[in-house]
Amino acid sequence: MRVTRVLRDDIVLGRRAPGSRLIERDIAAELNVSRLPVREAIRTLVGEGVVVARPRSWAVVREFTHDDIRDFGEVREAIETLIFVFAAERHTDEGIARLRAAYEREFAAASADEVEAARIAAGEFHEIAAELAGNEMLGELIAVFVTRLRWLFGQHDDLLGMAEEHRLILDAVAARDTDTLRWMIPRHLASGQEAAERRLSDQAYSI
C-alpha cells in the first residue's frame, strides 16, 4: 500500500523524528488521500513496532531506548549471520549479480553523498541476502522486525565505510567463504549498532 510505504520510509529514513505525532488529517492532506488509508497505515506500522498508538491521543513515532538497541542487536547478529552463511552456501550466479548490483548502487550513492539512496541500497543488500539464504523460516523471522531493524541500524553516517564493508561481505559470499562470514557479519553489525547508540545519545543530549 502506497501510504504505508511512504510513512514507513519517512520513519526509517529519519524524515519523521522519534516522538513526532502522526496526525491523520495532516498526513491525508500531504499525500492527497482520505483518512482511511492513513489510519490503516498507522495500524500496520504499530504492528511493525515503529509507531505507538496512544488511546485518546495521536499515534507517535516510537522512541527507542538503549535496551531496545541492545536486544535487537543480539537477535539480529544471530539471524543475519545465519542468513549470510546460508546465502554463501546456496546462492546462484543470478543471486550474486543481484547482490552485487545493490552494492554498486550503494557505493555510487555514497560516493555522491546521496544519503537516503545509499541507506536504501544498503538495506536492499541485506534483504537480497535473506532471499539468497533460501530458508523460509529465517525469512519469516526477519520479516517480523525488519522495519525496526531498518530504523535502528539503517541510519549510519559513514556511507562509504558501510559500502566498503558490504563489498567485503559480497566477496566472501561469492567465494562461499562461510568461515570468514561467521566473524565478519557480527563485526559489521556492531558498527551499525554503535551508530544507533550514538544517534540515541545525541537525541537525548539535544533535548
Protein backbone atom coordinates (compact mmCIF):
# COMPACT_ATOMS: atom_id res chain seq x y z
CA MET A 1 0.00 0.00 0.00
CA ARG A 2 1.46 3.36 -1.03
CA VAL A 3 0.56 5.26 2.15
CA THR A 4 2.09 2.60 4.36
CA ARG A 5 5.26 2.53 2.26
CA VAL A 6 5.61 6.32 2.34
CA LEU A 7 5.13 6.55 6.10
CA ARG A 8 7.45 3.59 6.71
CA ASP A 9 10.18 5.16 4.61
CA ASP A 10 9.69 8.52 6.31
CA ILE A 11 10.28 6.88 9.69
CA VAL A 12 13.11 4.56 8.66
CA LEU A 13 14.99 7.32 6.84
CA GLY A 14 14.57 9.77 9.69
CA ARG A 15 12.20 12.20 7.98
CA ARG A 16 9.77 11.78 10.87
CA ALA A 17 11.61 12.01 14.17
CA PRO A 18 11.04 9.71 17.16
CA GLY A 19 8.23 11.08 19.30
CA SER A 20 6.67 13.08 16.44
CA ARG A 21 2.91 12.90 16.13
CA LEU A 22 1.18 11.18 13.22
CA ILE A 23 -1.95 13.26 12.67
CA GLU A 24 -4.29 11.51 10.27
CA ARG A 25 -5.83 14.61 8.68
CA ASP A 26 -2.43 16.24 8.12
CA ILE A 27 -0.92 13.13 6.56
CA ALA A 28 -4.01 12.63 4.39
CA ALA A 29 -3.64 16.18 3.11
CA GLU A 30 0.09 15.72 2.46
CA LEU A 31 -0.48 12.55 0.45
CA ASN A 32 -3.76 13.64 -1.14
CA VAL A 33 -5.68 10.62 0.16
CA SER A 34 -8.60 10.06 2.51
CA ARG A 35 -8.01 9.45 6.21
CA LEU A 36 -8.93 5.74 5.95
CA PRO A 37 -5.71 4.53 4.24
CA VAL A 38 -3.70 6.71 6.64
CA ARG A 39 -5.44 5.07 9.61
CA GLU A 40 -4.76 1.62 8.14
CA ALA A 41 -1.10 2.53 7.50
CA ILE A 42 -0.65 3.70 11.09
CA ARG A 43 -2.22 0.45 12.34
CA THR A 44 0.21 -1.54 10.17
CA LEU A 45 3.21 0.39 11.49
CA VAL A 46 2.06 -0.13 15.07
CA GLY A 47 2.19 -3.85 14.30
CA GLU A 48 5.69 -3.46 12.84
CA GLY A 49 6.85 -1.83 16.05
CA VAL A 50 7.84 1.64 14.83
CA VAL A 51 4.70 3.53 15.83
CA VAL A 52 3.00 3.70 19.23
CA ALA A 53 -0.78 4.11 19.44
CA ARG A 54 -1.89 6.26 22.38
CA PRO A 55 -5.56 5.99 23.41
CA ARG A 56 -7.49 9.26 23.02
CA SER A 57 -4.42 10.91 21.53
CA TRP A 58 -2.26 10.96 18.38
CA ALA A 59 -0.14 7.99 17.38
CA VAL A 60 3.56 8.83 17.59
CA VAL A 61 6.78 7.55 16.06
CA ARG A 62 8.32 5.16 18.54
CA GLU A 63 11.19 6.37 20.70
CA PHE A 64 13.67 3.51 21.04
CA THR A 65 15.86 3.01 24.09
CA HIS A 66 19.40 1.74 24.57
CA ASP A 67 17.89 -1.54 25.82
CA ASP A 68 15.92 -1.83 22.57
CA ILE A 69 19.11 -1.40 20.56
CA ARG A 70 20.95 -3.99 22.63
CA ASP A 71 18.10 -6.53 22.47
CA PHE A 72 17.55 -6.15 18.72
CA GLY A 73 21.29 -6.21 18.12
CA GLU A 74 21.64 -9.56 19.85
CA VAL A 75 18.81 -11.09 17.86
CA ARG A 76 19.99 -9.56 14.61
CA GLU A 77 23.52 -10.88 14.99
CA ALA A 78 22.31 -14.46 15.36
CA ILE A 79 19.81 -14.32 12.50
CA GLU A 80 21.83 -12.32 9.98
CA THR A 81 24.97 -14.39 10.49
CA LEU A 82 22.91 -17.43 9.53
CA ILE A 83 21.42 -15.55 6.58
CA PHE A 84 24.79 -14.65 5.06
CA VAL A 85 26.27 -18.09 5.75
CA PHE A 86 23.32 -19.75 4.01
CA ALA A 87 23.49 -17.21 1.19
CA ALA A 88 27.13 -18.15 0.67
CA GLU A 89 26.30 -21.84 0.59
CA ARG A 90 23.20 -21.63 -1.61
CA HIS A 91 23.50 -18.64 -3.93
CA THR A 92 23.24 -18.79 -7.71
CA ASP A 93 25.09 -16.64 -10.22
CA GLU A 94 21.93 -14.64 -10.71
CA GLY A 95 21.62 -14.10 -6.97
CA ILE A 96 25.19 -12.85 -6.67
CA ALA A 97 24.54 -10.49 -9.58
CA ARG A 98 21.58 -9.01 -7.69
CA LEU A 99 23.65 -8.64 -4.52
CA ARG A 100 26.47 -7.01 -6.47
CA ALA A 101 24.03 -4.60 -8.13
CA ALA A 102 22.73 -3.50 -4.72
CA TYR A 103 26.29 -2.91 -3.52
CA GLU A 104 27.12 -0.92 -6.65
CA ARG A 105 24.04 1.27 -6.18
CA GLU A 106 25.06 1.84 -2.58
CA PHE A 107 28.66 2.69 -3.48
CA ALA A 108 27.60 5.09 -6.24
CA ALA A 109 25.15 6.87 -3.94
CA ALA A 110 27.68 7.02 -1.09
CA SER A 111 30.32 8.44 -3.41
CA ALA A 112 27.87 11.15 -4.49
CA ASP A 113 26.87 11.79 -0.83
CA GLU A 114 23.29 10.82 -1.63
CA VAL A 115 22.45 9.78 1.91
CA GLU A 116 18.95 8.37 1.52
CA ALA A 117 19.77 6.47 -1.67
CA ALA A 118 22.85 4.93 -0.04
CA ARG A 119 20.89 3.84 3.03
CA ILE A 120 18.09 2.37 0.91
CA ALA A 121 20.57 0.37 -1.19
CA ALA A 122 22.33 -0.82 1.97
CA GLY A 123 19.01 -2.13 3.26
CA GLU A 124 18.35 -3.85 -0.07
CA PHE A 125 21.74 -5.56 0.20
CA HIS A 126 20.62 -7.27 3.41
CA GLU A 127 17.16 -8.03 2.05
CA ILE A 128 18.59 -9.74 -1.05
CA ALA A 129 20.93 -11.79 1.13
CA ALA A 130 17.91 -13.00 3.09
CA GLU A 131 16.31 -14.17 -0.16
CA LEU A 132 19.52 -15.91 -1.25
CA ALA A 133 19.64 -17.78 2.07
CA GLY A 134 16.70 -19.85 0.82
CA ASN A 135 15.29 -20.54 4.29
CA GLU A 136 11.61 -19.77 4.67
CA MET A 137 11.70 -19.84 8.49
CA LEU A 138 14.53 -17.30 8.61
CA GLY A 139 12.60 -15.15 6.17
CA GLU A 140 9.54 -15.23 8.42
CA LEU A 141 11.60 -14.36 11.49
CA ILE A 142 13.32 -11.39 9.89
CA ALA A 143 10.00 -10.14 8.45
CA VAL A 144 8.60 -9.76 11.98
CA PHE A 145 11.01 -6.98 12.89
CA VAL A 146 12.62 -5.87 9.62
CA THR A 147 11.16 -2.34 9.84
CA ARG A 148 12.51 -1.83 13.36
CA LEU A 149 15.90 -3.12 12.29
CA ARG A 150 15.98 -0.80 9.28
CA TRP A 151 15.21 2.16 11.53
CA LEU A 152 17.59 1.24 14.32
CA PHE A 153 20.57 0.24 12.22
CA GLY A 154 19.96 1.79 8.83
CA GLN A 155 20.83 5.40 9.61
CA HIS A 156 24.60 5.00 9.64
CA ASP A 157 26.67 8.09 8.90
CA ASP A 158 29.83 6.61 7.35
CA LEU A 159 28.28 5.82 3.98
CA LEU A 160 31.50 4.88 2.18
CA GLY A 161 32.69 2.82 5.15
CA MET A 162 29.45 0.85 5.16
CA ALA A 163 29.66 0.32 1.41
CA GLU A 164 33.21 -0.99 1.78
CA GLU A 165 32.08 -3.46 4.45
CA HIS A 166 29.36 -4.66 2.08
CA ARG A 167 31.95 -5.12 -0.67
CA LEU A 168 33.98 -7.41 1.59
CA ILE A 169 30.87 -9.34 2.57
CA LEU A 170 29.89 -9.67 -1.08
CA ASP A 171 33.32 -11.09 -1.92
CA ALA A 172 33.03 -13.63 0.91
CA VAL A 173 29.51 -14.68 -0.13
CA ALA A 174 30.58 -15.05 -3.77
CA ALA A 175 33.57 -17.17 -2.69
CA ARG A 176 31.33 -19.29 -0.40
CA ASP A 177 33.72 -18.40 2.44
CA THR A 178 31.46 -19.18 5.38
CA ASP A 179 34.27 -19.16 7.96
CA THR A 180 35.08 -15.53 7.15
CA LEU A 181 31.40 -14.56 7.23
CA ARG A 182 30.94 -16.05 10.71
CA TRP A 183 33.28 -13.42 12.19
CA MET A 184 32.75 -10.68 9.60
CA ILE A 185 28.97 -10.32 9.99
CA PRO A 186 28.97 -9.72 13.78
CA ARG A 187 31.70 -7.12 13.33
CA HIS A 188 29.76 -5.46 10.52
CA LEU A 189 26.56 -5.35 12.54
CA ALA A 190 28.39 -3.96 15.57
CA SER A 191 29.33 -0.84 13.63
CA GLY A 192 25.66 -0.21 12.82
CA GLN A 193 24.70 -0.77 16.44
CA GLU A 194 27.32 1.72 17.61
CA ALA A 195 25.91 4.30 15.18
CA ALA A 196 22.42 3.71 16.57
CA GLU A 197 23.70 4.14 20.13
CA ARG A 198 25.41 7.41 19.21
CA ARG A 199 22.30 8.72 17.49
CA LEU A 200 20.16 7.91 20.52
CA SER A 201 22.65 9.59 22.84
CA ASP A 202 22.75 12.68 20.62
CA GLN A 203 18.97 12.89 20.62
CA ALA A 204 18.87 12.68 24.44
CA TYR A 205 21.58 15.33 24.73
CA SER A 206 19.77 17.73 22.41
CA ILE A 207 16.54 17.65 24.42
